[in-house]
Protein backbone atom coordinates (compact mmCIF):
# COMPACT_ATOMS: atom_id res chain seq x y z
CA MET A 1 108.72 270.45 130.12
CA PRO A 2 107.85 273.33 128.07
CA THR A 3 108.68 276.99 128.51
CA HIS A 4 105.89 279.62 128.72
CA LYS A 5 105.75 283.20 129.48
CA GLN A 6 103.98 284.81 132.27
CA PRO A 7 100.27 284.27 131.26
CA LYS A 8 97.29 286.80 131.90
CA VAL A 9 94.92 283.86 131.37
CA LEU A 10 94.95 279.95 132.54
CA LEU A 11 92.55 278.24 130.47
CA PHE A 12 91.05 275.31 131.50
CA ASP A 13 89.52 272.09 130.05
CA ILE A 14 86.89 270.47 132.44
CA GLY A 15 86.59 266.62 132.03
CA GLY A 16 89.93 265.08 132.52
CA VAL A 17 91.43 268.28 133.69
CA CYS A 18 89.46 269.73 136.65
CA VAL A 19 87.35 266.53 137.21
CA ILE A 20 88.01 263.08 136.85
CA SER A 21 88.24 262.07 133.01
CA PRO A 22 85.41 260.29 131.59
CA PHE A 23 87.90 258.45 129.59
CA GLN A 24 88.69 256.68 132.82
CA SER A 25 85.01 255.27 132.88
CA ILE A 26 85.76 254.14 129.26
CA LEU A 27 88.65 252.49 129.85
CA ASP A 28 87.07 250.46 132.63
CA TYR A 29 83.91 249.50 130.80
CA GLU A 30 86.34 248.16 127.91
CA LEU A 31 88.28 245.98 130.12
CA SER A 32 85.24 244.93 132.08
CA LEU A 33 84.03 243.35 128.69
CA GLY A 34 86.96 242.36 126.94
CA ILE A 35 86.69 245.24 124.60
CA PRO A 36 89.95 246.30 122.75
CA PRO A 37 90.93 249.29 124.76
CA GLY A 38 90.78 252.38 122.49
CA TRP A 39 87.61 251.25 120.24
CA ILE A 40 84.92 253.65 122.05
CA ASN A 41 87.22 256.71 121.81
CA TYR A 42 88.10 255.84 118.28
CA SER A 43 84.46 255.44 117.30
CA ILE A 44 83.39 258.75 119.09
CA SER A 45 86.36 260.84 117.38
CA LYS A 46 85.85 259.44 114.07
CA SER A 47 81.97 260.26 113.94
CA ALA A 48 83.02 263.98 114.07
CA PRO A 49 81.93 266.40 113.54
CA ASN A 50 78.24 265.61 113.25
CA GLY A 51 78.05 262.53 115.08
CA PHE A 52 75.04 262.08 117.82
CA TRP A 53 77.96 262.84 120.82
CA HIS A 54 79.10 266.11 118.85
CA ARG A 55 75.79 267.35 118.22
CA LEU A 56 74.45 266.90 121.73
CA GLU A 57 77.78 268.93 123.02
CA ARG A 58 76.80 271.88 120.78
CA SER A 59 72.82 271.43 121.62
CA GLU A 60 71.74 270.80 117.89
CA ILE A 61 70.00 267.90 119.80
CA LEU A 62 68.20 267.15 123.21
CA LEU A 63 69.55 264.25 125.51
CA ASP A 64 66.60 261.98 124.85
CA ASP A 65 65.99 258.61 123.76
CA LYS A 66 66.85 259.68 119.98
CA PHE A 67 70.11 260.39 121.33
CA TYR A 68 70.72 257.38 122.93
CA ALA A 69 69.67 255.60 119.98
CA GLY A 70 71.79 257.28 117.69
CA PHE A 71 74.76 257.60 119.95
CA ASN A 72 74.43 253.61 120.08
CA LYS A 73 74.09 253.53 116.41
CA ASP A 74 77.42 255.42 115.92
CA LEU A 75 79.15 252.90 118.62
CA HIS A 76 78.24 250.20 116.41
CA ASP A 77 79.38 251.26 112.92
CA PRO A 78 81.18 248.01 110.84
CA VAL A 79 82.99 250.24 108.90
CA ARG A 80 84.63 252.11 111.57
CA TRP A 81 85.29 248.69 113.50
CA GLU A 82 86.88 247.65 110.48
CA ALA A 83 89.14 250.63 110.23
CA PHE A 84 90.03 250.30 114.04
CA TYR A 85 90.88 246.63 113.65
CA LYS A 86 93.23 247.06 110.72
CA LEU A 87 94.75 249.79 112.18
CA GLN A 88 95.55 247.55 115.51
CA GLN A 89 96.53 244.86 113.31
CA SER A 90 99.34 247.17 111.87
CA LYS A 91 100.50 247.62 115.50
CA ASN A 92 100.28 243.94 116.52
CA PRO A 93 100.74 241.17 113.68
CA ASN A 94 99.68 238.64 115.96
CA LEU A 95 96.00 239.88 116.07
CA ALA A 96 93.78 237.13 114.07
CA LYS A 97 93.36 238.09 110.36
CA GLU A 98 89.81 237.43 110.54
CA LEU A 99 87.68 240.44 111.31
CA PRO A 100 85.87 239.82 114.86
CA PRO A 101 82.08 241.03 115.43
CA VAL A 102 81.67 244.69 116.26
CA PRO A 103 81.67 244.96 120.14
CA ASN A 104 78.10 244.78 121.73
CA LEU A 105 77.99 248.06 124.08
CA ASP A 106 75.30 249.70 125.90
CA GLY A 107 75.43 253.35 124.74
CA ARG A 108 73.25 254.86 127.21
CA TRP A 109 74.57 252.91 130.20
CA LEU A 110 78.07 254.10 128.95
CA PHE A 111 77.13 257.99 128.38
CA ASN A 112 75.61 258.09 131.63
CA ASP A 113 78.67 256.32 133.62
CA MET A 114 81.04 258.63 131.84
CA MET A 115 78.80 261.72 132.89
CA ILE A 116 78.71 260.73 136.53
CA SER A 117 82.17 259.75 137.00
CA SER A 118 83.46 262.79 135.72
CA THR A 119 81.68 264.90 138.24
CA THR A 120 84.19 264.47 140.89
CA PRO A 121 87.00 267.24 141.24
CA ASP A 122 90.11 265.99 140.19
CA PRO A 123 92.31 265.42 143.53
CA TRP A 124 95.32 267.44 142.22
CA MET A 125 94.06 270.11 140.29
CA TYR A 126 91.16 271.04 142.04
CA PRO A 127 93.57 272.21 144.90
CA ALA A 128 95.69 273.94 142.37
CA LEU A 129 92.81 275.72 140.69
CA LYS A 130 91.73 277.25 144.67
CA ASN A 131 94.79 278.39 145.26
CA LEU A 132 95.19 280.03 141.63
CA ARG A 133 91.88 281.88 142.57
CA ALA A 134 93.00 282.93 146.02
CA SER A 135 96.14 284.70 144.38
CA GLY A 136 94.23 286.62 142.24
CA LYS A 137 97.11 286.96 139.75
CA PHE A 138 95.38 285.41 136.95
CA ILE A 139 92.12 285.29 134.94
CA LEU A 140 90.75 281.57 135.33
CA ALA A 141 88.61 280.88 132.27
CA ALA A 142 87.11 277.43 131.09
CA LEU A 143 86.72 276.00 127.51
CA SER A 144 84.79 272.76 127.90
CA ASN A 145 82.59 270.52 125.69
CA THR A 146 79.33 269.99 127.69
CA VAL A 147 75.95 268.79 127.84
CA ILE A 148 72.89 270.30 129.13
CA PHE A 149 70.95 267.75 131.22
CA PRO A 150 67.40 267.74 131.15
CA PRO A 151 64.83 268.13 134.31
CA GLY A 152 64.59 264.75 135.62
CA HIS A 153 68.10 263.75 134.79
CA THR A 154 70.35 262.94 137.88
CA LEU A 155 72.83 265.55 136.96
CA HIS A 156 70.41 268.17 136.02
CA GLN A 157 71.19 271.57 137.52
CA GLU A 158 68.69 274.99 137.54
CA ASP A 159 72.20 276.98 137.53
CA PHE A 160 74.37 275.04 135.33
CA PHE A 161 77.44 277.29 136.41
CA ALA A 162 76.95 277.19 140.15
CA ASP A 163 78.63 274.07 140.96
CA PRO A 164 81.83 274.15 143.27
CA VAL A 165 84.24 273.66 140.20
CA ARG A 166 82.33 276.15 137.59
CA SER A 167 81.99 278.77 140.17
CA LEU A 168 85.81 279.22 140.63
CA PHE A 169 86.20 280.63 136.96
CA ASP A 170 85.77 284.30 136.00
CA ILE A 171 84.84 283.08 132.39
CA PHE A 172 83.34 279.31 131.51
CA VAL A 173 82.94 278.63 127.85
CA SER A 174 80.62 276.11 127.38
CA SER A 175 80.22 273.93 123.98
CA ALA A 176 76.34 273.20 124.56
CA HIS A 177 75.61 277.20 125.57
CA VAL A 178 77.47 278.90 122.51
CA GLY A 179 76.93 276.04 119.83
CA LEU A 180 80.62 275.43 119.47
CA ARG A 181 82.86 272.87 120.50
CA LYS A 182 86.64 271.76 120.52
CA PRO A 183 88.57 271.51 118.38
CA ASP A 184 86.41 273.85 116.12
CA PRO A 185 88.77 277.09 115.56
CA LYS A 186 85.81 279.10 115.93
CA VAL A 187 85.32 278.23 119.89
CA TYR A 188 89.27 279.54 120.83
CA GLU A 189 88.38 283.01 119.02
CA TYR A 190 85.37 282.82 120.95
CA ALA A 191 86.86 282.11 123.94
CA LEU A 192 90.03 284.57 123.54
CA ASN A 193 86.95 287.41 122.69
CA GLU A 194 85.48 286.48 126.23
CA VAL A 195 88.73 287.04 128.02
CA ASN A 196 89.77 289.75 126.41
CA LYS A 197 86.30 291.66 127.31
CA PHE A 198 86.85 290.48 130.88
CA ALA A 199 90.63 291.90 131.23
CA LYS A 200 89.30 295.15 129.99
CA SER A 201 86.41 295.47 132.02
CA HIS A 202 87.92 294.64 135.42
CA VAL A 203 91.06 296.93 135.46
CA ASN A 204 89.78 299.33 138.26
CA GLU A 205 92.08 297.88 141.17
CA ASP A 206 95.62 298.94 141.13
CA ARG A 207 96.76 295.45 141.28
CA ARG A 208 95.23 294.44 138.14
CA GLN A 209 96.49 297.42 136.24
CA ARG A 210 99.86 296.32 137.16
CA LEU A 211 99.05 292.97 135.30
CA GLY A 212 98.35 294.33 132.54
CA TRP A 213 94.73 293.65 132.28
CA LYS A 214 93.90 297.00 130.63
CA ASP A 215 95.92 295.96 127.44
CA GLY A 216 93.55 293.24 127.06
CA VAL A 217 94.71 289.64 126.30
CA LYS A 218 96.94 288.41 123.21
CA PRO A 219 96.74 284.66 121.99
CA ASP A 220 100.23 283.83 123.44
CA GLU A 221 99.11 285.21 127.22
CA ILE A 222 96.77 282.58 127.20
CA VAL A 223 97.91 278.74 128.58
CA PHE A 224 95.24 276.20 127.71
CA LEU A 225 95.29 272.80 129.68
CA ASP A 226 93.59 269.97 128.30
CA ASP A 227 93.73 266.16 128.10
CA ILE A 228 93.14 265.64 124.39
CA GLY A 229 96.07 266.25 121.97
CA GLU A 230 93.65 267.42 119.11
CA ASN A 231 92.35 270.00 121.22
CA LEU A 232 95.86 271.07 122.21
CA LYS A 233 97.07 271.27 118.50
CA ALA A 234 94.00 273.51 117.66
CA ALA A 235 95.21 275.69 120.62
CA LYS A 236 98.29 276.08 119.45
CA LYS A 237 97.33 276.99 115.99
CA SER A 238 95.23 279.66 117.68
CA GLY A 239 98.65 281.15 119.50
CA PHE A 240 97.68 279.43 122.87
CA GLY A 241 100.23 278.01 124.98
CA THR A 242 99.16 274.61 126.10
CA ILE A 243 99.99 271.76 128.86
CA LYS A 244 99.06 268.39 128.33
CA VAL A 245 97.03 266.85 131.39
CA PRO A 246 97.75 263.10 131.63
CA LEU A 247 95.12 260.73 132.40
CA GLY A 248 94.92 260.06 135.81
CA LYS A 249 98.36 262.09 136.57
CA ALA A 250 96.96 265.25 136.73
CA PHE A 251 99.76 266.20 139.25
CA GLU A 252 102.23 266.25 136.20
CA ALA A 253 100.35 269.34 135.08
CA VAL A 254 100.36 270.79 138.17
CA ASP A 255 103.81 270.94 138.25
CA GLU A 256 103.99 272.76 134.98
CA LEU A 257 101.44 275.33 136.42
CA GLU A 258 103.67 275.89 139.33
CA ALA A 259 106.74 276.68 137.19
CA ILE A 260 104.75 278.95 134.79
CA THR A 261 102.98 280.73 137.60
CA GLY A 262 105.70 280.77 140.38
CA LEU A 263 103.25 279.79 143.06
CA ARG A 264 102.96 277.00 145.23
CA LEU A 265 99.60 275.09 144.07
CA ALA A 266 99.74 271.35 144.92
CA GLY A 267 97.55 270.06 147.73
CA ASP A 268 98.31 267.20 149.87
CA HIS A 269 96.96 264.41 147.65
CA PRO A 270 99.38 261.58 147.22
CA ARG A 271 100.85 261.61 143.73
CA ILE A 272 99.82 258.03 143.08
CA PRO A 273 98.37 257.64 139.75
CA ILE A 274 94.67 256.71 138.96
CA LYS A 275 94.48 253.40 137.66
CA PRO A 276 91.51 251.28 135.95
CA ARG A 277 89.30 249.85 138.70
CA ILE A 278 90.36 246.28 136.88
CA GLY A 279 93.63 244.88 137.47
CA GLY A 280 95.43 244.44 134.56
CA THR A 281 93.86 243.91 130.99
CA ASN A 282 92.14 241.05 129.38
CA ALA A 283 90.82 242.93 126.71
CA LYS A 284 91.33 241.15 123.24
CA LEU A 285 90.88 241.71 119.82
C-alpha cells in the first residue's frame, strides 16, 4: 500500500470507481460472444485521441447515428485487430498463426449497455463517499470522462450534476462540459485550478481554516482515484497522489482511503469481488 500525506482533496473518477465499471459490461460482452478479452478496450484506447469515443467525451460530436456508425467502424479496424492479435501471440505461442477475422461487434448495443450498466453506485465506494462527505474534512472532487445524453435517450438528465452520486461532490470536472478528457495533462491542471479556487473561497468556518484551505491546494495535497493506469500515470506526472481501483474490488481502494484519512469509511457490503456474468471464459483467438 503506497504512503500518502494527509490530503486536502480527494479526487475521484466516476465509472469503475464510484459506480460499477463499464469495463464489466465489456468483459461480459466479450465472453458472451467468444470475443478475445481485451480487444474492445485495446480498440478504443488505440483510436485515441481522435476516435469517435474520445471526441464524444470532449463534446466535439453528438451522440447520434453518426457517432454510432463511427464508433462501430473504430471497433472493426483491421490494422488494429492485426496488431492486437500479434500482441496476444507474443503472450501465447499456442495461438493459431493465421489471423482470424475481425470480431463482429454491435457498437450501438455495446455503448448503451456500457453506459446503462455503469449508472449503479459501487457497493463499496458509494458508502465511503457518503461517509467522507459527512466528515467535512476533505474537499471532494470528481474528474470524469463523460457523455452528454440527448433528450429522448434513456440516460438523459435535465440537470447533469443532480444525480445521487454527482451531488456528493464539491467540484465535478466533466470532460464533456470542459472539452478536455483524461489523460490530457491539461485536464489535471484544470481540476487543480478548480479545487484551489474552491478551497480559497470556502474558508469562513474555523474548522476549514484549521484544515489549511485558506492556503489553497497544491498538487501533492490531492489524492486521485481511478481504475485506468494511463489516467493514474498522468495524475502522478501532475504531482497528485494516486490510488488504483481494481475492477470489481473497490473495497481494496476503500481500505487505502481509510488508511489515508484515518476515518472508518466502509459500509457493510460483503467483500466479495464482482465477477463476469458468465462463468469462466470460452473466449478464443
